[in-house]
């Protein structure tokens, strides 16, 4: 039976893990939240709400709810594909940011940078005005700065 025991675990006489023999990952104390951690969480939550509204507007475009826009079915196939992509990824990014998870930040960065890339390189697929591009790029820059400040702040 001894061969079946976890490597590095401490067993009592009956082969059960003894008290205090936890996983090595659990052995470290959780890091206390610092001021920059709190600022980063609030920034991520506010950005999540903005991306949720952005996703709702995209779905409004798909469902032809926005007046003055051409019908979704009449748009070129490439533009339709871009709209559907952002309709899905914006909601996933908003949920991930709201949960302040690592994957949420990654998905949000993917959504934001792909929108910026499409808007700059192929404006016919994703037309965006220069002020909107500047605001979106500055949100990404603020996220990087806050993440850096939170990572180096030790409390």
N, C-alpha and C. Protein backbone atom coordinates (compact mmCIF):
# COMPACT_ATOMS: atom_id res chain seq x y z
N UNK A 1 0.80 -1.20 0.00
CA UNK A 1 0.00 0.00 0.00
C UNK A 1 0.85 1.27 0.00
N UNK A 2 2.02 1.18 0.53
CA UNK A 2 2.87 2.33 0.64
C UNK A 2 3.20 2.89 -0.75
N UNK A 3 3.26 2.07 -1.77
CA UNK A 3 3.59 2.53 -3.12
C UNK A 3 2.47 3.37 -3.71
N UNK A 4 1.25 3.22 -3.22
CA UNK A 4 0.14 3.97 -3.76
C UNK A 4 -0.02 5.35 -3.12
N UNK A 5 0.76 5.63 -2.10
CA UNK A 5 0.66 6.92 -1.41
C UNK A 5 1.22 8.02 -2.30
N UNK A 6 0.68 9.24 -2.13
CA UNK A 6 1.19 10.39 -2.87
C UNK A 6 2.63 10.67 -2.47
N UNK A 7 3.42 11.06 -3.42
CA UNK A 7 4.80 11.39 -3.14
C UNK A 7 4.83 12.62 -2.26
N UNK A 8 5.56 12.56 -1.19
CA UNK A 8 5.71 13.71 -0.32
C UNK A 8 4.60 13.86 0.70
N UNK A 9 3.64 12.93 0.72
CA UNK A 9 2.56 13.06 1.70
C UNK A 9 2.95 12.37 2.99
N UNK A 10 2.37 12.80 4.07
CA UNK A 10 2.62 12.21 5.37
C UNK A 10 1.39 11.41 5.75
N UNK A 11 1.60 10.09 5.99
CA UNK A 11 0.48 9.21 6.31
C UNK A 11 0.56 8.80 7.77
N UNK A 12 -0.63 8.59 8.36
CA UNK A 12 -0.63 8.08 9.72
C UNK A 12 -0.51 6.56 9.67
N UNK A 13 -0.68 5.89 10.78
CA UNK A 13 -0.53 4.44 10.86
C UNK A 13 -1.51 3.67 10.00
N UNK A 14 -2.66 4.23 9.70
CA UNK A 14 -3.68 3.53 8.91
C UNK A 14 -3.61 3.86 7.42
N UNK A 15 -2.66 4.64 7.00
CA UNK A 15 -2.53 4.95 5.58
C UNK A 15 -3.30 6.18 5.16
N UNK A 16 -3.91 6.87 6.11
CA UNK A 16 -4.65 8.10 5.79
C UNK A 16 -3.72 9.29 5.94
N UNK A 17 -3.99 10.35 5.17
CA UNK A 17 -3.16 11.55 5.34
C UNK A 17 -3.30 12.08 6.76
N UNK A 18 -2.19 12.40 7.36
CA UNK A 18 -2.23 12.91 8.73
C UNK A 18 -2.61 14.38 8.73
N UNK A 19 -2.98 14.89 9.88
CA UNK A 19 -3.38 16.28 10.00
C UNK A 19 -2.21 17.18 9.62
N UNK A 20 -2.52 18.20 8.85
CA UNK A 20 -1.48 19.14 8.43
C UNK A 20 -0.74 18.71 7.18
N UNK A 21 -1.11 17.58 6.59
CA UNK A 21 -0.45 17.13 5.36
C UNK A 21 -1.31 17.55 4.17
N UNK A 22 -1.35 18.81 3.89
CA UNK A 22 -2.14 19.31 2.77
C UNK A 22 -1.31 19.38 1.51
N UNK A 23 -1.93 19.82 0.47
CA UNK A 23 -1.24 20.01 -0.79
C UNK A 23 -0.25 21.16 -0.65
N UNK A 24 0.85 21.10 -1.33
CA UNK A 24 1.86 22.15 -1.20
C UNK A 24 1.33 23.50 -1.66
N UNK A 25 0.44 23.50 -2.63
CA UNK A 25 -0.12 24.75 -3.12
C UNK A 25 -0.96 25.40 -2.03
N UNK A 26 -1.71 24.60 -1.31
CA UNK A 26 -2.57 25.13 -0.26
C UNK A 26 -1.77 25.59 0.96
N UNK A 27 -0.53 25.17 1.06
CA UNK A 27 0.29 25.50 2.21
C UNK A 27 0.66 26.97 2.28
N UNK A 28 0.67 27.68 1.16
CA UNK A 28 1.04 29.08 1.20
C UNK A 28 -0.17 29.93 1.58
N UNK A 29 0.08 30.94 2.35
CA UNK A 29 -1.00 31.82 2.79
C UNK A 29 -1.44 32.70 1.62
N UNK A 30 -2.74 33.00 1.52
CA UNK A 30 -3.19 33.86 0.44
C UNK A 30 -2.64 35.27 0.61
N UNK A 31 -2.34 35.90 -0.51
CA UNK A 31 -1.78 37.24 -0.50
C UNK A 31 -2.86 38.26 -0.12
N UNK A 32 -2.55 39.16 0.76
CA UNK A 32 -3.50 40.19 1.17
C UNK A 32 -3.72 41.17 0.03
N UNK A 33 -4.95 41.64 -0.10
CA UNK A 33 -5.24 42.61 -1.15
C UNK A 33 -4.62 43.95 -0.81
N UNK A 34 -4.06 44.56 -1.83
CA UNK A 34 -3.46 45.88 -1.66
C UNK A 34 -4.36 46.92 -2.31
N UNK A 35 -3.97 48.16 -2.18
CA UNK A 35 -4.77 49.24 -2.76
C UNK A 35 -4.89 49.08 -4.28
N UNK A 36 -3.80 48.71 -4.96
CA UNK A 36 -3.85 48.59 -6.41
C UNK A 36 -4.66 47.38 -6.85
N UNK A 37 -4.71 46.34 -6.03
CA UNK A 37 -5.58 45.20 -6.33
C UNK A 37 -7.04 45.63 -6.36
N UNK A 38 -7.41 46.43 -5.38
CA UNK A 38 -8.80 46.91 -5.32
C UNK A 38 -9.12 47.82 -6.50
N UNK A 39 -8.19 48.69 -6.85
CA UNK A 39 -8.40 49.57 -8.00
C UNK A 39 -8.53 48.74 -9.28
N UNK A 40 -7.70 47.73 -9.42
CA UNK A 40 -7.77 46.86 -10.60
C UNK A 40 -9.10 46.12 -10.67
N UNK A 41 -9.59 45.64 -9.55
CA UNK A 41 -10.88 44.93 -9.53
C UNK A 41 -12.01 45.88 -9.93
N UNK A 42 -12.01 47.08 -9.41
CA UNK A 42 -13.05 48.05 -9.78
C UNK A 42 -12.95 48.41 -11.26
N UNK A 43 -11.73 48.59 -11.75
CA UNK A 43 -11.55 48.89 -13.17
C UNK A 43 -12.08 47.75 -14.04
N UNK A 44 -11.78 46.51 -13.64
CA UNK A 44 -12.26 45.36 -14.42
C UNK A 44 -13.78 45.27 -14.39
N UNK A 45 -14.40 45.57 -13.25
CA UNK A 45 -15.86 45.51 -13.17
C UNK A 45 -16.52 46.60 -14.00
N UNK A 46 -15.96 47.81 -13.97
CA UNK A 46 -16.53 48.89 -14.78
C UNK A 46 -16.34 48.59 -16.26
N UNK A 47 -15.17 48.08 -16.62
CA UNK A 47 -14.92 47.70 -18.01
C UNK A 47 -15.86 46.57 -18.44
N UNK A 48 -16.16 45.65 -17.53
CA UNK A 48 -17.10 44.56 -17.83
C UNK A 48 -18.48 45.13 -18.16
N UNK A 49 -18.92 46.13 -17.42
CA UNK A 49 -20.22 46.74 -17.71
C UNK A 49 -20.22 47.43 -19.07
N UNK A 50 -19.11 48.10 -19.39
CA UNK A 50 -19.01 48.75 -20.71
C UNK A 50 -19.05 47.70 -21.81
N UNK A 51 -18.33 46.60 -21.62
CA UNK A 51 -18.31 45.55 -22.65
C UNK A 51 -19.66 44.83 -22.74
N UNK A 52 -20.39 44.77 -21.65
CA UNK A 52 -21.73 44.20 -21.69
C UNK A 52 -22.65 45.07 -22.54
N UNK A 53 -22.57 46.38 -22.37
CA UNK A 53 -23.36 47.30 -23.19
C UNK A 53 -22.93 47.21 -24.65
N UNK A 54 -21.62 47.08 -24.88
CA UNK A 54 -21.10 46.92 -26.25
C UNK A 54 -21.65 45.65 -26.89
N UNK A 55 -21.69 44.56 -26.11
CA UNK A 55 -22.26 43.31 -26.62
C UNK A 55 -23.75 43.43 -26.91
N UNK A 56 -24.48 44.12 -26.05
CA UNK A 56 -25.91 44.33 -26.30
C UNK A 56 -26.15 45.15 -27.57
N UNK A 57 -25.31 46.17 -27.78
CA UNK A 57 -25.43 46.97 -29.00
C UNK A 57 -25.13 46.13 -30.24
N UNK A 58 -24.19 45.23 -30.12
CA UNK A 58 -23.87 44.35 -31.26
C UNK A 58 -25.04 43.42 -31.56
N UNK A 59 -25.64 42.86 -30.51
CA UNK A 59 -26.82 42.02 -30.74
C UNK A 59 -27.98 42.84 -31.27
N UNK A 60 -28.09 44.10 -30.86
CA UNK A 60 -29.11 44.98 -31.43
C UNK A 60 -28.92 45.18 -32.92
N UNK A 61 -27.65 45.22 -33.34
CA UNK A 61 -27.36 45.33 -34.77
C UNK A 61 -27.73 44.04 -35.51
N UNK A 62 -27.49 42.91 -34.90
CA UNK A 62 -27.84 41.63 -35.53
C UNK A 62 -29.35 41.51 -35.67
N UNK A 63 -30.07 41.92 -34.63
CA UNK A 63 -31.54 41.79 -34.63
C UNK A 63 -32.24 42.97 -35.29
N UNK A 64 -31.47 43.87 -35.91
CA UNK A 64 -31.99 45.05 -36.61
C UNK A 64 -32.84 45.94 -35.70
N UNK A 65 -32.36 46.15 -34.48
CA UNK A 65 -33.07 47.00 -33.52
C UNK A 65 -32.56 48.43 -33.52
N UNK A 66 -31.43 48.68 -34.16
CA UNK A 66 -30.83 50.01 -34.16
C UNK A 66 -31.33 50.76 -35.40
N UNK A 67 -32.08 51.86 -35.19
CA UNK A 67 -32.62 52.59 -36.35
C UNK A 67 -31.51 53.29 -37.14
N UNK A 68 -31.73 53.40 -38.42
CA UNK A 68 -30.78 54.08 -39.28
C UNK A 68 -29.66 53.19 -39.81
N UNK A 69 -29.58 51.98 -39.36
CA UNK A 69 -28.56 51.05 -39.84
C UNK A 69 -29.15 50.17 -40.93
N UNK A 70 -28.33 49.77 -41.90
CA UNK A 70 -28.85 48.84 -42.91
C UNK A 70 -29.17 47.49 -42.27
N UNK A 71 -30.13 46.76 -42.83
CA UNK A 71 -30.46 45.45 -42.26
C UNK A 71 -29.24 44.53 -42.24
N UNK A 72 -29.17 43.71 -41.20
CA UNK A 72 -28.03 42.81 -41.02
C UNK A 72 -27.89 41.87 -42.21
N UNK A 73 -29.00 41.39 -42.75
CA UNK A 73 -28.95 40.44 -43.87
C UNK A 73 -28.38 41.06 -45.14
N UNK A 74 -28.45 42.39 -45.26
CA UNK A 74 -27.95 43.06 -46.46
C UNK A 74 -26.46 43.41 -46.38
N UNK A 75 -25.84 43.20 -45.23
CA UNK A 75 -24.42 43.52 -45.07
C UNK A 75 -23.56 42.47 -45.77
N UNK A 76 -22.34 42.84 -46.18
CA UNK A 76 -21.44 41.83 -46.76
C UNK A 76 -21.11 40.72 -45.76
N UNK A 77 -20.78 39.57 -46.28
CA UNK A 77 -20.53 38.40 -45.43
C UNK A 77 -19.39 38.63 -44.44
N UNK A 78 -18.34 39.30 -44.86
CA UNK A 78 -17.23 39.57 -43.94
C UNK A 78 -17.65 40.45 -42.78
N UNK A 79 -18.46 41.46 -43.06
CA UNK A 79 -18.96 42.34 -41.99
C UNK A 79 -19.89 41.57 -41.06
N UNK A 80 -20.74 40.72 -41.60
CA UNK A 80 -21.62 39.89 -40.77
C UNK A 80 -20.80 38.99 -39.84
N UNK A 81 -19.74 38.40 -40.38
CA UNK A 81 -18.89 37.52 -39.57
C UNK A 81 -18.24 38.29 -38.43
N UNK A 82 -17.75 39.48 -38.71
CA UNK A 82 -17.12 40.29 -37.67
C UNK A 82 -18.13 40.68 -36.59
N UNK A 83 -19.35 41.02 -36.99
CA UNK A 83 -20.38 41.40 -36.02
C UNK A 83 -20.73 40.21 -35.13
N UNK A 84 -20.88 39.04 -35.70
CA UNK A 84 -21.22 37.85 -34.91
C UNK A 84 -20.07 37.50 -33.97
N UNK A 85 -18.85 37.60 -34.45
CA UNK A 85 -17.68 37.33 -33.60
C UNK A 85 -17.70 38.22 -32.36
N UNK A 86 -17.91 39.52 -32.56
CA UNK A 86 -17.90 40.44 -31.43
C UNK A 86 -19.15 40.32 -30.57
N UNK A 87 -20.26 39.86 -31.15
CA UNK A 87 -21.46 39.65 -30.35
C UNK A 87 -21.22 38.55 -29.32
N UNK A 88 -20.44 37.56 -29.66
CA UNK A 88 -20.15 36.46 -28.74
C UNK A 88 -19.00 36.81 -27.81
N UNK A 89 -17.88 37.25 -28.37
CA UNK A 89 -16.68 37.44 -27.54
C UNK A 89 -16.83 38.60 -26.57
N UNK A 90 -17.61 39.62 -26.90
CA UNK A 90 -17.79 40.73 -25.97
C UNK A 90 -18.52 40.28 -24.70
N UNK A 91 -19.52 39.41 -24.85
CA UNK A 91 -20.22 38.90 -23.66
C UNK A 91 -19.33 37.99 -22.84
N UNK A 92 -18.57 37.13 -23.49
CA UNK A 92 -17.66 36.23 -22.76
C UNK A 92 -16.61 37.06 -22.02
N UNK A 93 -16.08 38.08 -22.67
CA UNK A 93 -15.10 38.95 -22.04
C UNK A 93 -15.70 39.71 -20.86
N UNK A 94 -16.94 40.16 -21.00
CA UNK A 94 -17.59 40.89 -19.92
C UNK A 94 -17.78 40.00 -18.69
N UNK A 95 -18.18 38.76 -18.91
CA UNK A 95 -18.35 37.84 -17.78
C UNK A 95 -17.02 37.56 -17.12
N UNK A 96 -16.00 37.30 -17.90
CA UNK A 96 -14.68 37.02 -17.35
C UNK A 96 -14.10 38.20 -16.59
N UNK A 97 -14.32 39.41 -17.12
CA UNK A 97 -13.84 40.59 -16.40
C UNK A 97 -14.60 40.80 -15.11
N UNK A 98 -15.91 40.57 -15.13
CA UNK A 98 -16.70 40.75 -13.92
C UNK A 98 -16.25 39.77 -12.83
N UNK A 99 -15.90 38.57 -13.23
CA UNK A 99 -15.42 37.58 -12.26
C UNK A 99 -13.98 37.85 -11.84
N UNK A 100 -13.34 38.80 -12.47
CA UNK A 100 -11.93 39.17 -12.26
C UNK A 100 -11.01 37.95 -12.34
N UNK A 101 -11.31 37.09 -13.28
CA UNK A 101 -10.48 35.90 -13.46
C UNK A 101 -9.38 36.19 -14.49
N UNK A 102 -8.37 35.36 -14.47
CA UNK A 102 -7.25 35.53 -15.41
C UNK A 102 -7.72 35.30 -16.84
N UNK A 103 -8.56 34.29 -17.05
CA UNK A 103 -9.03 34.04 -18.42
C UNK A 103 -9.91 35.19 -18.92
N UNK A 104 -10.58 35.87 -18.01
CA UNK A 104 -11.41 37.00 -18.42
C UNK A 104 -10.58 38.13 -18.99
N UNK A 105 -9.45 38.41 -18.33
CA UNK A 105 -8.56 39.43 -18.85
C UNK A 105 -7.99 39.06 -20.19
N UNK A 106 -7.67 37.78 -20.36
CA UNK A 106 -7.11 37.32 -21.64
C UNK A 106 -8.14 37.42 -22.75
N UNK A 107 -9.36 36.96 -22.49
CA UNK A 107 -10.41 37.02 -23.51
C UNK A 107 -10.75 38.48 -23.83
N UNK A 108 -10.77 39.32 -22.79
CA UNK A 108 -11.06 40.73 -23.04
C UNK A 108 -9.95 41.37 -23.87
N UNK A 109 -8.70 41.06 -23.56
CA UNK A 109 -7.60 41.60 -24.37
C UNK A 109 -7.67 41.10 -25.81
N UNK A 110 -8.08 39.85 -25.99
CA UNK A 110 -8.28 39.33 -27.34
C UNK A 110 -9.38 40.10 -28.06
N UNK A 111 -10.49 40.34 -27.39
CA UNK A 111 -11.60 41.08 -28.00
C UNK A 111 -11.19 42.52 -28.32
N UNK A 112 -10.54 43.17 -27.37
CA UNK A 112 -10.17 44.57 -27.57
C UNK A 112 -9.11 44.74 -28.65
N UNK A 113 -8.08 43.90 -28.62
CA UNK A 113 -7.03 44.04 -29.63
C UNK A 113 -7.49 43.60 -31.01
N UNK A 114 -8.37 42.60 -31.08
CA UNK A 114 -8.88 42.23 -32.41
C UNK A 114 -9.79 43.32 -32.96
N UNK A 115 -10.55 44.00 -32.11
CA UNK A 115 -11.37 45.11 -32.58
C UNK A 115 -10.49 46.26 -33.06
N UNK A 116 -9.45 46.57 -32.32
CA UNK A 116 -8.54 47.64 -32.74
C UNK A 116 -7.84 47.29 -34.04
N UNK A 117 -7.41 46.04 -34.15
CA UNK A 117 -6.72 45.60 -35.37
C UNK A 117 -7.64 45.66 -36.58
N UNK A 118 -8.86 45.16 -36.43
CA UNK A 118 -9.81 45.20 -37.55
C UNK A 118 -10.17 46.64 -37.91
N UNK A 119 -10.35 47.48 -36.91
CA UNK A 119 -10.74 48.86 -37.18
C UNK A 119 -9.63 49.62 -37.90
N UNK A 120 -8.39 49.32 -37.57
CA UNK A 120 -7.28 50.03 -38.20
C UNK A 120 -6.89 49.46 -39.57
N UNK A 121 -6.90 48.12 -39.68
CA UNK A 121 -6.43 47.50 -40.92
C UNK A 121 -7.52 47.25 -41.96
N UNK A 122 -8.72 46.96 -41.49
CA UNK A 122 -9.83 46.71 -42.43
C UNK A 122 -11.07 47.46 -41.94
N UNK A 123 -11.10 48.77 -42.15
CA UNK A 123 -12.23 49.57 -41.65
C UNK A 123 -13.57 49.22 -42.30
N UNK A 124 -13.56 48.53 -43.44
CA UNK A 124 -14.82 48.14 -44.06
C UNK A 124 -15.50 47.01 -43.27
N UNK A 125 -14.72 46.22 -42.54
CA UNK A 125 -15.29 45.15 -41.72
C UNK A 125 -15.78 45.66 -40.37
N UNK A 126 -15.05 46.59 -39.79
CA UNK A 126 -15.41 47.11 -38.47
C UNK A 126 -15.14 48.61 -38.45
N UNK A 127 -16.08 49.38 -38.98
CA UNK A 127 -15.85 50.83 -38.99
C UNK A 127 -15.93 51.40 -37.57
N UNK A 128 -14.88 52.13 -37.19
CA UNK A 128 -14.80 52.77 -35.87
C UNK A 128 -14.19 54.14 -36.06
N UNK A 129 -14.73 55.13 -35.37
CA UNK A 129 -14.16 56.47 -35.46
C UNK A 129 -12.85 56.53 -34.67
N UNK A 130 -12.03 57.49 -35.01
CA UNK A 130 -10.73 57.62 -34.33
C UNK A 130 -10.88 57.88 -32.82
N UNK A 131 -11.85 58.68 -32.37
CA UNK A 131 -12.00 58.83 -30.92
C UNK A 131 -12.35 57.51 -30.21
N UNK A 132 -13.17 56.68 -30.83
CA UNK A 132 -13.52 55.39 -30.23
C UNK A 132 -12.30 54.48 -30.19
N UNK A 133 -11.51 54.50 -31.25
CA UNK A 133 -10.27 53.71 -31.27
C UNK A 133 -9.33 54.20 -30.17
N UNK A 134 -9.21 55.51 -30.00
CA UNK A 134 -8.32 56.06 -28.98
C UNK A 134 -8.80 55.69 -27.57
N UNK A 135 -10.11 55.74 -27.34
CA UNK A 135 -10.65 55.38 -26.02
C UNK A 135 -10.40 53.91 -25.73
N UNK A 136 -10.66 53.06 -26.72
CA UNK A 136 -10.46 51.63 -26.51
C UNK A 136 -8.99 51.31 -26.27
N UNK A 137 -8.10 51.93 -27.01
CA UNK A 137 -6.66 51.71 -26.81
C UNK A 137 -6.22 52.23 -25.44
N UNK A 138 -6.78 53.33 -25.00
CA UNK A 138 -6.40 53.85 -23.69
C UNK A 138 -6.93 52.97 -22.56
N UNK A 139 -8.09 52.34 -22.74
CA UNK A 139 -8.60 51.40 -21.73
C UNK A 139 -7.65 50.21 -21.60
N UNK A 140 -7.16 49.72 -22.73
CA UNK A 140 -6.19 48.61 -22.69
C UNK A 140 -4.91 49.05 -22.00
N UNK A 141 -4.44 50.25 -22.29
CA UNK A 141 -3.21 50.75 -21.67
C UNK A 141 -3.39 50.92 -20.15
N UNK A 142 -4.55 51.43 -19.73
CA UNK A 142 -4.82 51.58 -18.30
C UNK A 142 -4.86 50.22 -17.62
N UNK A 143 -5.42 49.22 -18.29
CA UNK A 143 -5.46 47.87 -17.73
C UNK A 143 -4.05 47.34 -17.50
N UNK A 144 -3.17 47.53 -18.48
CA UNK A 144 -1.79 47.06 -18.32
C UNK A 144 -1.08 47.79 -17.18
N UNK A 145 -1.28 49.10 -17.07
CA UNK A 145 -0.64 49.87 -16.01
C UNK A 145 -1.15 49.42 -14.64
N UNK A 146 -2.47 49.28 -14.50
CA UNK A 146 -3.03 48.85 -13.22
C UNK A 146 -2.60 47.43 -12.86
N UNK A 147 -2.52 46.55 -13.84
CA UNK A 147 -2.05 45.18 -13.58
C UNK A 147 -0.60 45.19 -13.11
N UNK A 148 0.20 46.02 -13.73
CA UNK A 148 1.61 46.12 -13.34
C UNK A 148 1.74 46.67 -11.93
N UNK A 149 0.97 47.73 -11.61
CA UNK A 149 1.03 48.32 -10.28
C UNK A 149 0.53 47.34 -9.22
N UNK A 150 -0.51 46.59 -9.53
CA UNK A 150 -1.03 45.61 -8.57
C UNK A 150 -0.05 44.46 -8.36
N UNK A 151 0.67 44.08 -9.41
CA UNK A 151 1.61 42.96 -9.30
C UNK A 151 2.85 43.34 -8.48
N UNK A 152 3.27 44.58 -8.56
CA UNK A 152 4.49 44.95 -7.85
C UNK A 152 4.22 45.54 -6.47
N UNK A 153 2.97 45.82 -6.15
CA UNK A 153 2.63 46.35 -4.84
C UNK A 153 2.55 45.20 -3.84
N UNK A 154 3.35 45.25 -2.82
CA UNK A 154 3.40 44.17 -1.85
C UNK A 154 2.65 44.51 -0.57
N UNK A 155 1.98 45.61 -0.54
CA UNK A 155 1.15 45.95 0.60
C UNK A 155 1.86 46.84 1.51
